[in-house]
Amino acid sequence: MKAEGDQGDDRGTVLEPVAHLRDAWSGQAREPLAATRLEPRPVEPLTALGAVVEQPYRPTIRPLVPRLTLLDDAAAADGETIRLRDGITLIGRTEGHVRLPHDPLVSGRHAEIVREGAGRPHRWLLRDLGSSNGTFVRCSKTVLRAESLLILGGRRFRFRPPPQPGAEVAGDRAGTMAVDLATWQAAGLPALVETGPAEGGLEIPLSGADLTLGRPGQGHAIEIDDPLLAPRHARIRREAAGHWVLEAVPSLNGVWTQITCVPLAAVCRFQVGEQRFLFVVDGA
């Protein structure tokens, strides 16, 4: 299932492939992720003494059964795993098949995973149910739109687009447009604005068309002192059409973008409140 070009309300967001996570964990002190756990591969016929051994059974009509893992804190693959056999799986703090009563950032009915199609083909959708704090997916690329929310390291940012270069003149019934260029240029930069309960959060103007983001001392246009960021964490650029795109660099903690409804890839990660999930469809 492709994420790009078929995003419902979240067109332009591409879910991050699991290879990025393996790259980030290579060289870490703890054991690297096992590819066979997260990225099922087709079973090749085996030969023994010249005889072909049959392949294991797989259903061809009914939907596949995904695995949903509630990841342990600081874990990339381990945690409590459940099978999603129902057409709808509700996630919430007080209601649902998956309840997170200890997480105050989770709404009572926060999000749901919905299967579209009763047989083959089918796909799985992740939908936010109007939650207070949002539902996020880990992505490799996303288009930044007005008020888009992102998780970078341990911080949340809102994308503030540049103001439109024009304003209606008061009292002009013809709707004549006038621009104070000096004022507009001074305040005309898009920005990432930190959100959260703390006052005085960061406000990062995007002062170039192609910017890299990472930890201080690495020569990036945008430097954020956050231990959860990689030395080089992301790239933000303005495309020819004028919109802004954020691209993740393979890292341990990744880049997360808020969604309303997005098709889930065969292996992907998402976040509800402060709980992260791993979604895997074997044999997809």
C-alpha atoms as a PDB file:
ATOM      1  CA  MET A   1       0.000   0.000   0.000  1.00  0.00           C
ATOM      2  CA  LYS A   2       1.481   3.300  -1.059  1.00  0.00           C
ATOM      3  CA  ALA A   3       1.094   6.326   1.131  1.00  0.00           C
ATOM      4  CA  GLU A   4       1.932   8.948  -1.474  1.00  0.00           C
ATOM      5  CA  GLY A   5      -0.813  10.235  -3.736  1.00  0.00           C
ATOM      6  CA  ASP A   6      -3.612   8.485  -1.878  1.00  0.00           C
ATOM      7  CA  GLN A   7      -3.833  10.186   1.446  1.00  0.00           C
ATOM      8  CA  GLY A   8      -7.458  11.194   1.876  1.00  0.00           C
ATOM      9  CA  ASP A   9      -7.171  14.381   3.926  1.00  0.00           C
ATOM     10  CA  ASP A  10      -3.380  14.038   4.174  1.00  0.00           C
ATOM     11  CA  ARG A  11      -2.160  14.066   0.601  1.00  0.00           C
ATOM     12  CA  GLY A  12       1.549  14.715   0.399  1.00  0.00           C
ATOM     13  CA  THR A  13       2.545  12.721   3.487  1.00  0.00           C
ATOM     14  CA  VAL A  14       4.748   9.691   2.814  1.00  0.00           C
ATOM     15  CA  LEU A  15       5.115   7.187   5.648  1.00  0.00           C
ATOM     16  CA  GLU A  16       8.695   6.377   6.543  1.00  0.00           C
ATOM     17  CA  PRO A  17       9.945   2.946   5.379  1.00  0.00           C
ATOM     18  CA  VAL A  18      11.240   0.654   8.072  1.00  0.00           C
ATOM     19  CA  ALA A  19      14.683   0.608   6.432  1.00  0.00           C
ATOM     20  CA  HIS A  20      15.168   4.136   7.781  1.00  0.00           C
ATOM     21  CA  LEU A  21      14.665   2.852  11.304  1.00  0.00           C
ATOM     22  CA  ARG A  22      17.161   0.041  10.783  1.00  0.00           C
ATOM     23  CA  ASP A  23      19.712   2.527   9.456  1.00  0.00           C
ATOM     24  CA  ALA A  24      19.234   4.694  12.522  1.00  0.00           C
ATOM     25  CA  TRP A  25      19.726   1.785  14.901  1.00  0.00           C
ATOM     26  CA  SER A  26      22.825   0.418  13.204  1.00  0.00           C
ATOM     27  CA  GLY A  27      25.811   1.199  15.358  1.00  0.00           C
ATOM     28  CA  GLN A  28      23.713   1.820  18.481  1.00  0.00           C
ATOM     29  CA  ALA A  29      24.681   0.219  21.763  1.00  0.00           C
ATOM     30  CA  ARG A  30      21.568  -1.907  21.892  1.00  0.00           C
ATOM     31  CA  GLU A  31      20.821  -4.752  19.523  1.00  0.00           C
ATOM     32  CA  PRO A  32      19.852  -3.600  15.989  1.00  0.00           C
ATOM     33  CA  LEU A  33      16.360  -4.351  14.783  1.00  0.00           C
ATOM     34  CA  ALA A  34      15.860  -7.684  13.084  1.00  0.00           C
ATOM     35  CA  ALA A  35      14.591  -7.192   9.536  1.00  0.00           C
ATOM     36  CA  THR A  36      12.658 -10.446   9.676  1.00  0.00           C
ATOM     37  CA  ARG A  37      10.557  -9.127  12.560  1.00  0.00           C
ATOM     38  CA  LEU A  38       9.433  -5.958  10.864  1.00  0.00           C
ATOM     39  CA  GLU A  39       9.686  -6.618   7.143  1.00  0.00           C
ATOM     40  CA  PRO A  40       8.245 -10.006   6.179  1.00  0.00           C
ATOM     41  CA  ARG A  41       9.744 -11.482   3.046  1.00  0.00           C
ATOM     42  CA  PRO A  42       8.246 -13.939   0.574  1.00  0.00           C
ATOM     43  CA  VAL A  43       9.045 -17.523   1.480  1.00  0.00           C
ATOM     44  CA  GLU A  44      11.135 -19.137  -1.251  1.00  0.00           C
ATOM     45  CA  PRO A  45      10.660 -22.818  -2.091  1.00  0.00           C
ATOM     46  CA  LEU A  46      13.163 -25.010  -0.258  1.00  0.00           C
ATOM     47  CA  THR A  47      14.876 -28.045  -1.686  1.00  0.00           C
ATOM     48  CA  ALA A  48      15.858 -31.119   0.288  1.00  0.00           C
ATOM     49  CA  LEU A  49      17.510 -34.042  -1.468  1.00  0.00           C
ATOM     50  CA  GLY A  50      16.220 -32.705  -4.769  1.00  0.00           C
ATOM     51  CA  ALA A  51      12.597 -32.436  -3.607  1.00  0.00           C
ATOM     52  CA  VAL A  52      10.671 -29.149  -3.456  1.00  0.00           C
ATOM     53  CA  VAL A  53       9.183 -28.400  -0.035  1.00  0.00           C
ATOM     54  CA  GLU A  54       5.789 -26.683  -0.124  1.00  0.00           C
ATOM     55  CA  GLN A  55       5.331 -23.102   0.992  1.00  0.00           C
ATOM     56  CA  PRO A  56       3.344 -22.247   4.129  1.00  0.00           C
ATOM     57  CA  TYR A  57      -0.378 -21.551   3.826  1.00  0.00           C
ATOM     58  CA  ARG A  58      -1.621 -18.013   3.266  1.00  0.00           C
ATOM     59  CA  PRO A  59      -5.223 -16.843   2.820  1.00  0.00           C
ATOM     60  CA  THR A  60      -6.149 -15.525  -0.604  1.00  0.00           C
ATOM     61  CA  ILE A  61      -9.741 -14.310  -0.067  1.00  0.00           C
ATOM     62  CA  ARG A  62     -10.166 -12.984   3.483  1.00  0.00           C
ATOM     63  CA  PRO A  63      -8.289  -9.889   4.674  1.00  0.00           C
ATOM     64  CA  LEU A  64      -4.860 -10.252   6.183  1.00  0.00           C
ATOM     65  CA  VAL A  65      -4.594  -9.795   9.952  1.00  0.00           C
ATOM     66  CA  PRO A  66      -2.282  -6.946  10.994  1.00  0.00           C
ATOM     67  CA  ARG A  67      -0.261  -6.841  14.190  1.00  0.00           C
ATOM     68  CA  LEU A  68      -0.404  -3.712  16.336  1.00  0.00           C
ATOM     69  CA  THR A  69       2.352  -3.314  18.930  1.00  0.00           C
ATOM     70  CA  LEU A  70       2.085  -0.799  21.762  1.00  0.00           C
ATOM     71  CA  LEU A  71       5.770   0.023  21.910  1.00  0.00           C
ATOM     72  CA  ASP A  72       7.534   0.014  25.247  1.00  0.00           C
ATOM     73  CA  ASP A  73       9.013   3.371  26.201  1.00  0.00           C
ATOM     74  CA  ALA A  74      12.296   3.927  24.302  1.00  0.00           C
ATOM     75  CA  ALA A  75      11.761   0.697  22.336  1.00  0.00           C
ATOM     76  CA  ALA A  76      11.649   0.609  18.545  1.00  0.00           C
ATOM     77  CA  ALA A  77      10.029  -2.805  18.131  1.00  0.00           C
ATOM     78  CA  ASP A  78       9.197  -4.408  21.493  1.00  0.00           C
ATOM     79  CA  GLY A  79       5.978  -4.151  23.447  1.00  0.00           C
ATOM     80  CA  GLU A  80       2.491  -5.590  23.834  1.00  0.00           C
ATOM     81  CA  THR A  81       1.159  -6.944  20.524  1.00  0.00           C
ATOM     82  CA  ILE A  82      -2.465  -7.518  19.528  1.00  0.00           C
ATOM     83  CA  ARG A  83      -4.089  -8.814  16.315  1.00  0.00           C
ATOM     84  CA  LEU A  84      -6.562  -6.606  14.481  1.00  0.00           C
ATOM     85  CA  ARG A  85      -9.347  -8.925  13.326  1.00  0.00           C
ATOM     86  CA  ASP A  86     -12.235  -6.436  13.562  1.00  0.00           C
ATOM     87  CA  GLY A  87     -13.093  -3.968  10.829  1.00  0.00           C
ATOM     88  CA  ILE A  88     -12.648  -1.058  13.250  1.00  0.00           C
ATOM     89  CA  THR A  89     -10.198  -0.837  16.145  1.00  0.00           C
ATOM     90  CA  LEU A  90     -10.827   2.112  18.477  1.00  0.00           C
ATOM     91  CA  ILE A  91      -8.004   3.682  20.517  1.00  0.00           C
ATOM     92  CA  GLY A  92      -8.838   5.927  23.467  1.00  0.00           C
ATOM     93  CA  ARG A  93      -8.250   6.805  27.094  1.00  0.00           C
ATOM     94  CA  THR A  94     -11.655   5.679  28.417  1.00  0.00           C
ATOM     95  CA  GLU A  95     -13.175   3.822  25.452  1.00  0.00           C
ATOM     96  CA  GLY A  96     -12.051   1.415  22.779  1.00  0.00           C
ATOM     97  CA  HIS A  97     -10.327  -1.858  22.036  1.00  0.00           C
ATOM     98  CA  VAL A  98      -6.999  -0.273  23.018  1.00  0.00           C
ATOM     99  CA  ARG A  99      -7.240   1.869  26.162  1.00  0.00           C
ATOM    100  CA  LEU A 100      -4.523   4.156  27.497  1.00  0.00           C
ATOM    101  CA  PRO A 101      -5.985   5.368  30.829  1.00  0.00           C
ATOM    102  CA  HIS A 102      -2.635   6.576  32.192  1.00  0.00           C
ATOM    103  CA  ASP A 103      -1.895   9.018  29.336  1.00  0.00           C
ATOM    104  CA  PRO A 104      -3.557  12.446  29.885  1.00  0.00           C
ATOM    105  CA  LEU A 105      -2.798  13.504  26.287  1.00  0.00           C
ATOM    106  CA  VAL A 106      -5.129  10.792  24.944  1.00  0.00           C
ATOM    107  CA  SER A 107      -8.764  11.732  24.382  1.00  0.00           C
ATOM    108  CA  GLY A 108     -11.577   9.446  25.529  1.00  0.00           C
ATOM    109  CA  ARG A 109     -12.133   8.408  21.901  1.00  0.00           C
ATOM    110  CA  HIS A 110      -8.904   9.411  20.182  1.00  0.00           C
ATOM    111  CA  ALA A 111      -8.346   7.500  16.928  1.00  0.00           C
ATOM    112  CA  GLU A 112      -9.386   4.402  15.034  1.00  0.00           C
ATOM    113  CA  ILE A 113      -7.897   1.935  12.572  1.00  0.00           C
ATOM    114  CA  VAL A 114     -10.432   1.043   9.884  1.00  0.00           C
ATOM    115  CA  ARG A 115     -10.274  -1.766   7.333  1.00  0.00           C
ATOM    116  CA  GLU A 116     -11.646  -0.786   3.924  1.00  0.00           C
ATOM    117  CA  GLY A 117     -12.770  -3.863   2.023  1.00  0.00           C
ATOM    118  CA  ALA A 118     -14.106  -7.188   3.326  1.00  0.00           C
ATOM    119  CA  GLY A 119     -11.774  -9.351   1.250  1.00  0.00           C
ATOM    120  CA  ARG A 120      -9.028  -8.770  -1.289  1.00  0.00           C
ATOM    121  CA  PRO A 121      -8.027  -6.097  -2.087  1.00  0.00           C
ATOM    122  CA  HIS A 122      -8.324  -4.078   1.101  1.00  0.00           C
ATOM    123  CA  ARG A 123      -6.427  -1.415   2.984  1.00  0.00           C
ATOM    124  CA  TRP A 124      -6.156  -0.021   6.490  1.00  0.00           C
ATOM    125  CA  LEU A 125      -6.805   3.619   7.393  1.00  0.00           C
ATOM    126  CA  LEU A 126      -5.743   5.531  10.508  1.00  0.00           C
ATOM    127  CA  ARG A 127      -8.280   8.230  11.437  1.00  0.00           C
ATOM    128  CA  ASP A 128      -8.126  10.871  14.131  1.00  0.00           C
ATOM    129  CA  LEU A 129     -11.495  11.329  15.854  1.00  0.00           C
ATOM    130  CA  GLY A 130     -11.176  15.032  16.588  1.00  0.00           C
ATOM    131  CA  SER A 131      -8.774  14.472  19.472  1.00  0.00           C
ATOM    132  CA  SER A 132      -7.481  17.392  21.539  1.00  0.00           C
ATOM    133  CA  ASN A 133      -3.785  16.615  21.025  1.00  0.00           C
ATOM    134  CA  GLY A 134      -3.737  15.003  17.592  1.00  0.00           C
ATOM    135  CA  THR A 135      -2.641  11.753  15.967  1.00  0.00           C
ATOM    136  CA  PHE A 136       0.791  11.615  14.328  1.00  0.00           C
ATOM    137  CA  VAL A 137       2.509   9.307  11.843  1.00  0.00           C
ATOM    138  CA  ARG A 138       6.228   8.887  11.353  1.00  0.00           C
ATOM    139  CA  CYS A 139       6.987  10.129   7.852  1.00  0.00           C
ATOM    140  CA  SER A 140       9.847  10.445   5.396  1.00  0.00           C
ATOM    141  CA  LYS A 141       8.248  13.413   3.608  1.00  0.00           C
ATOM    142  CA  THR A 142       5.307  15.728   4.170  1.00  0.00           C
ATOM    143  CA  VAL A 143       3.933  18.897   2.627  1.00  0.00           C
ATOM    144  CA  LEU A 144       3.679  21.699   5.209  1.00  0.00           C
ATOM    145  CA  ARG A 145       0.313  23.416   5.229  1.00  0.00           C
ATOM    146  CA  ALA A 146      -1.049  26.211   7.393  1.00  0.00           C
ATOM    147  CA  GLU A 147      -1.162  25.094  11.037  1.00  0.00           C
ATOM    148  CA  SER A 148       0.433  21.708  10.303  1.00  0.00           C
ATOM    149  CA  LEU A 149       1.748  20.168  13.543  1.00  0.00           C
ATOM    150  CA  LEU A 150       5.078  18.325  13.677  1.00  0.00           C
ATOM    151  CA  ILE A 151       7.051  16.428  16.304  1.00  0.00           C
ATOM    152  CA  LEU A 152      10.796  17.058  16.018  1.00  0.00           C
ATOM    153  CA  GLY A 153      12.815  15.446  18.803  1.00  0.00           C
ATOM    154  CA  GLY A 154      10.981  16.149  22.039  1.00  0.00           C
ATOM    155  CA  ARG A 155       9.219  19.297  20.763  1.00  0.00           C
ATOM    156  CA  ARG A 156       6.048  20.066  18.846  1.00  0.00           C
ATOM    157  CA  PHE A 157       5.990  22.757  16.182  1.00  0.00           C
ATOM    158  CA  ARG A 158       3.246  24.433  14.172  1.00  0.00           C
ATOM    159  CA  PHE A 159       3.953  25.588  10.618  1.00  0.00           C
ATOM    160  CA  ARG A 160       3.028  29.216  10.142  1.00  0.00           C
ATOM    161  CA  PRO A 161       2.889  30.113   6.432  1.00  0.00           C
ATOM    162  CA  PRO A 162       3.940  33.536   5.152  1.00  0.00           C
ATOM    163  CA  PRO A 163       1.169  36.146   5.094  1.00  0.00           C
ATOM    164  CA  GLN A 164      -0.527  36.760   1.790  1.00  0.00           C
ATOM    165  CA  PRO A 165       1.024  39.803   0.032  1.00  0.00           C
ATOM    166  CA  GLY A 166      -2.084  41.939  -0.072  1.00  0.00           C
ATOM    167  CA  ALA A 167      -4.793  43.461   2.074  1.00  0.00           C
ATOM    168  CA  GLU A 168      -8.047  45.170   1.220  1.00  0.00           C
ATOM    169  CA  VAL A 169      -7.962  48.918   1.696  1.00  0.00           C
ATOM    170  CA  ALA A 170     -10.525  50.007   4.287  1.00  0.00           C
ATOM    171  CA  GLY A 171     -13.457  51.874   2.755  1.00  0.00           C
ATOM    172  CA  ASP A 172     -12.551  50.975  -0.830  1.00  0.00           C
ATOM    173  CA  ARG A 173     -15.769  49.497  -2.174  1.00  0.00           C
ATOM    174  CA  ALA A 174     -14.068  48.358  -5.366  1.00  0.00           C
ATOM    175  CA  GLY A 175     -11.929  45.975  -3.321  1.00  0.00           C
ATOM    176  CA  THR A 176      -8.633  47.526  -4.404  1.00  0.00           C
ATOM    177  CA  MET A 177      -5.621  45.629  -3.005  1.00  0.00           C
ATOM    178  CA  ALA A 178      -2.644  47.484  -1.531  1.00  0.00           C
ATOM    179  CA  VAL A 179       0.622  46.177  -0.125  1.00  0.00           C
ATOM    180  CA  ASP A 180       3.081  47.775   2.274  1.00  0.00           C
ATOM    181  CA  LEU A 181       6.130  45.963   0.894  1.00  0.00           C
ATOM    182  CA  ALA A 182       8.501  46.984   3.684  1.00  0.00           C
ATOM    183  CA  THR A 183       6.139  45.702   6.383  1.00  0.00           C
ATOM    184  CA  TRP A 184       5.298  42.565   4.458  1.00  0.00           C
ATOM    185  CA  GLN A 185       8.931  41.641   3.796  1.00  0.00           C
ATOM    186  CA  ALA A 186       9.824  42.129   7.459  1.00  0.00           C
ATOM    187  CA  ALA A 187       7.093  39.761   8.626  1.00  0.00           C
ATOM    188  CA  GLY A 188       6.720  37.737   5.464  1.00  0.00           C
ATOM    189  CA  LEU A 189       8.783  34.671   6.350  1.00  0.00           C
ATOM    190  CA  PRO A 190       7.153  31.336   7.122  1.00  0.00           C
ATOM    191  CA  ALA A 191       8.164  29.872  10.456  1.00  0.00           C
ATOM    192  CA  LEU A 192       8.089  26.849  12.741  1.00  0.00           C
ATOM    193  CA  VAL A 193       6.502  27.929  16.025  1.00  0.00           C
ATOM    194  CA  GLU A 194       6.881  25.712  19.089  1.00  0.00           C
ATOM    195  CA  THR A 195       3.590  24.730  20.723  1.00  0.00           C
ATOM    196  CA  GLY A 196       2.905  23.438  24.195  1.00  0.00           C
ATOM    197  CA  PRO A 197       2.178  24.548  27.747  1.00  0.00           C
ATOM    198  CA  ALA A 198       5.498  26.351  28.200  1.00  0.00           C
ATOM    199  CA  GLU A 199       5.619  30.063  27.426  1.00  0.00           C
ATOM    200  CA  GLY A 200       8.322  31.556  25.242  1.00  0.00           C
ATOM    201  CA  GLY A 201       8.754  28.607  22.895  1.00  0.00           C
ATOM    202  CA  LEU A 202      11.027  28.677  19.892  1.00  0.00           C
ATOM    203  CA  GLU A 203      10.031  30.535  16.749  1.00  0.00           C
ATOM    204  CA  ILE A 204      12.200  29.548  13.793  1.00  0.00           C
ATOM    205  CA  PRO A 205      11.869  31.659  10.612  1.00  0.00           C
ATOM    206  CA  LEU A 206      12.478  29.797   7.356  1.00  0.00           C
ATOM    207  CA  SER A 207      14.814  32.319   5.772  1.00  0.00           C
ATOM    208  CA  GLY A 208      16.004  30.251   2.820  1.00  0.00           C
ATOM    209  CA  ALA A 209      14.615  28.004   0.119  1.00  0.00           C
ATOM    210  CA  ASP A 210      16.586  24.917   1.199  1.00  0.00           C
ATOM    211  CA  LEU A 211      17.422  24.485   4.892  1.00  0.00           C
ATOM    212  CA  THR A 212      18.844  21.645   6.990  1.00  0.00           C
ATOM    213  CA  LEU A 213      17.859  21.107  10.616  1.00  0.00           C
ATOM    214  CA  GLY A 214      19.785  19.386  13.380  1.00  0.00           C
ATOM    215  CA  ARG A 215      21.785  19.718  16.593  1.00  0.00           C
ATOM    216  CA  PRO A 216      23.996  22.759  17.307  1.00  0.00           C
ATOM    217  CA  GLY A 217      27.575  22.821  16.066  1.00  0.00           C
ATOM    218  CA  GLN A 218      26.863  20.896  12.855  1.00  0.00           C
ATOM    219  CA  GLY A 219      26.641  23.883  10.522  1.00  0.00           C
ATOM    220  CA  HIS A 220      22.892  23.702   9.887  1.00  0.00           C
ATOM    221  CA  ALA A 221      20.716  26.672   8.994  1.00  0.00           C
ATOM    222  CA  ILE A 222      18.340  25.591  11.782  1.00  0.00           C
ATOM    223  CA  GLU A 223      19.942  24.374  15.025  1.00  0.00           C
ATOM    224  CA  ILE A 224      17.886  23.101  17.974  1.00  0.00           C
ATOM    225  CA  ASP A 225      19.466  22.019  21.241  1.00  0.00           C
ATOM    226  CA  ASP A 226      17.427  18.856  21.843  1.00  0.00           C
ATOM    227  CA  PRO A 227      19.007  15.512  22.818  1.00  0.00           C
ATOM    228  CA  LEU A 228      16.286  13.628  20.923  1.00  0.00           C
ATOM    229  CA  LEU A 229      17.379  15.135  17.605  1.00  0.00           C
ATOM    230  CA  ALA A 230      20.012  13.560  15.367  1.00  0.00           C
ATOM    231  CA  PRO A 231      23.068  15.648  14.404  1.00  0.00           C
ATOM    232  CA  ARG A 232      21.359  16.044  10.999  1.00  0.00           C
ATOM    233  CA  HIS A 233      17.665  15.415  11.404  1.00  0.00           C
ATOM    234  CA  ALA A 234      15.618  16.930   8.561  1.00  0.00           C
ATOM    235  CA  ARG A 235      15.544  19.141   5.501  1.00  0.00           C
ATOM    236  CA  ILE A 236      12.986  21.862   4.776  1.00  0.00           C
ATOM    237  CA  ARG A 237      12.720  23.257   1.261  1.00  0.00           C
ATOM    238  CA  ARG A 238      10.417  25.363  -0.872  1.00  0.00           C
ATOM    239  CA  GLU A 239       9.410  23.685  -4.116  1.00  0.00           C
ATOM    240  CA  ALA A 240       8.899  25.424  -7.447  1.00  0.00           C
ATOM    241  CA  ALA A 241       5.134  25.502  -6.927  1.00  0.00           C
ATOM    242  CA  GLY A 242       5.689  27.583  -3.801  1.00  0.00           C
ATOM    243  CA  HIS A 243       4.734  25.087  -1.102  1.00  0.00           C
ATOM    244  CA  TRP A 244       7.085  23.935   1.636  1.00  0.00           C
ATOM    245  CA  VAL A 245       8.155  20.312   2.095  1.00  0.00           C
ATOM    246  CA  LEU A 246       9.821  18.671   5.087  1.00  0.00           C
ATOM    247  CA  GLU A 247      11.969  15.589   4.433  1.00  0.00           C
ATOM    248  CA  ALA A 248      13.260  13.394   7.246  1.00  0.00           C
ATOM    249  CA  VAL A 249      16.831  12.181   7.412  1.00  0.00           C
ATOM    250  CA  PRO A 250      17.055   8.574   8.705  1.00  0.00           C
ATOM    251  CA  SER A 251      17.329   8.902  12.484  1.00  0.00           C
ATOM    252  CA  LEU A 252      16.468   7.109  15.697  1.00  0.00           C
ATOM    253  CA  ASN A 253      13.504   9.292  16.685  1.00  0.00           C
ATOM    254  CA  GLY A 254      12.319  10.430  13.250  1.00  0.00           C
ATOM    255  CA  VAL A 255       9.912  13.140  12.117  1.00  0.00           C
ATOM    256  CA  TRP A 256       6.201  12.912  12.919  1.00  0.00           C
ATOM    257  CA  THR A 257       3.350  14.823  11.295  1.00  0.00           C
ATOM    258  CA  GLN A 258      -0.248  15.251  12.420  1.00  0.00           C
ATOM    259  CA  ILE A 259      -2.899  13.544  10.297  1.00  0.00           C
ATOM    260  CA  THR A 260      -6.658  13.383  10.063  1.00  0.00           C
ATOM    261  CA  CYS A 261      -6.900  10.281   7.862  1.00  0.00           C
ATOM    262  CA  VAL A 262      -4.096   8.361   6.164  1.00  0.00           C
ATOM    263  CA  PRO A 263      -3.722   4.871   4.617  1.00  0.00           C
ATOM    264  CA  LEU A 264      -1.291   2.786   6.643  1.00  0.00           C
ATOM    265  CA  ALA A 265       1.671   1.197   4.893  1.00  0.00           C
ATOM    266  CA  ALA A 266       2.427  -2.492   5.467  1.00  0.00           C
ATOM    267  CA  VAL A 267       4.975  -1.496   8.124  1.00  0.00           C
ATOM    268  CA  CYS A 268       4.675   1.917   9.762  1.00  0.00           C
ATOM    269  CA  ARG A 269       4.578   3.756  13.078  1.00  0.00           C
ATOM    270  CA  PHE A 270       2.131   6.245  14.588  1.00  0.00           C
ATOM    271  CA  GLN A 271       1.645   8.092  17.867  1.00  0.00           C
ATOM    272  CA  VAL A 272      -1.407   8.739  20.058  1.00  0.00           C
ATOM    273  CA  GLY A 273      -0.748  10.934  23.077  1.00  0.00           C
ATOM    274  CA  GLU A 274       2.715   9.844  24.203  1.00  0.00           C
ATOM    275  CA  GLN A 275       2.153   6.220  23.154  1.00  0.00           C
ATOM    276  CA  ARG A 276       3.846   5.029  19.989  1.00  0.00           C
ATOM    277  CA  PHE A 277       2.600   2.102  17.915  1.00  0.00           C
ATOM    278  CA  LEU A 278       4.072  -0.234  15.331  1.00  0.00           C
ATOM    279  CA  PHE A 279       1.628  -1.469  12.654  1.00  0.00           C
ATOM    280  CA  VAL A 280       2.662  -4.529  10.600  1.00  0.00           C
ATOM    281  CA  VAL A 281       0.749  -6.501   7.946  1.00  0.00           C
ATOM    282  CA  ASP A 282       2.514  -9.819   7.347  1.00  0.00           C
ATOM    283  CA  GLY A 283       2.404 -11.028   3.759  1.00  0.00           C
ATOM    284  CA  ALA A 284       1.217  -7.719   2.307  1.00  0.00           C
END
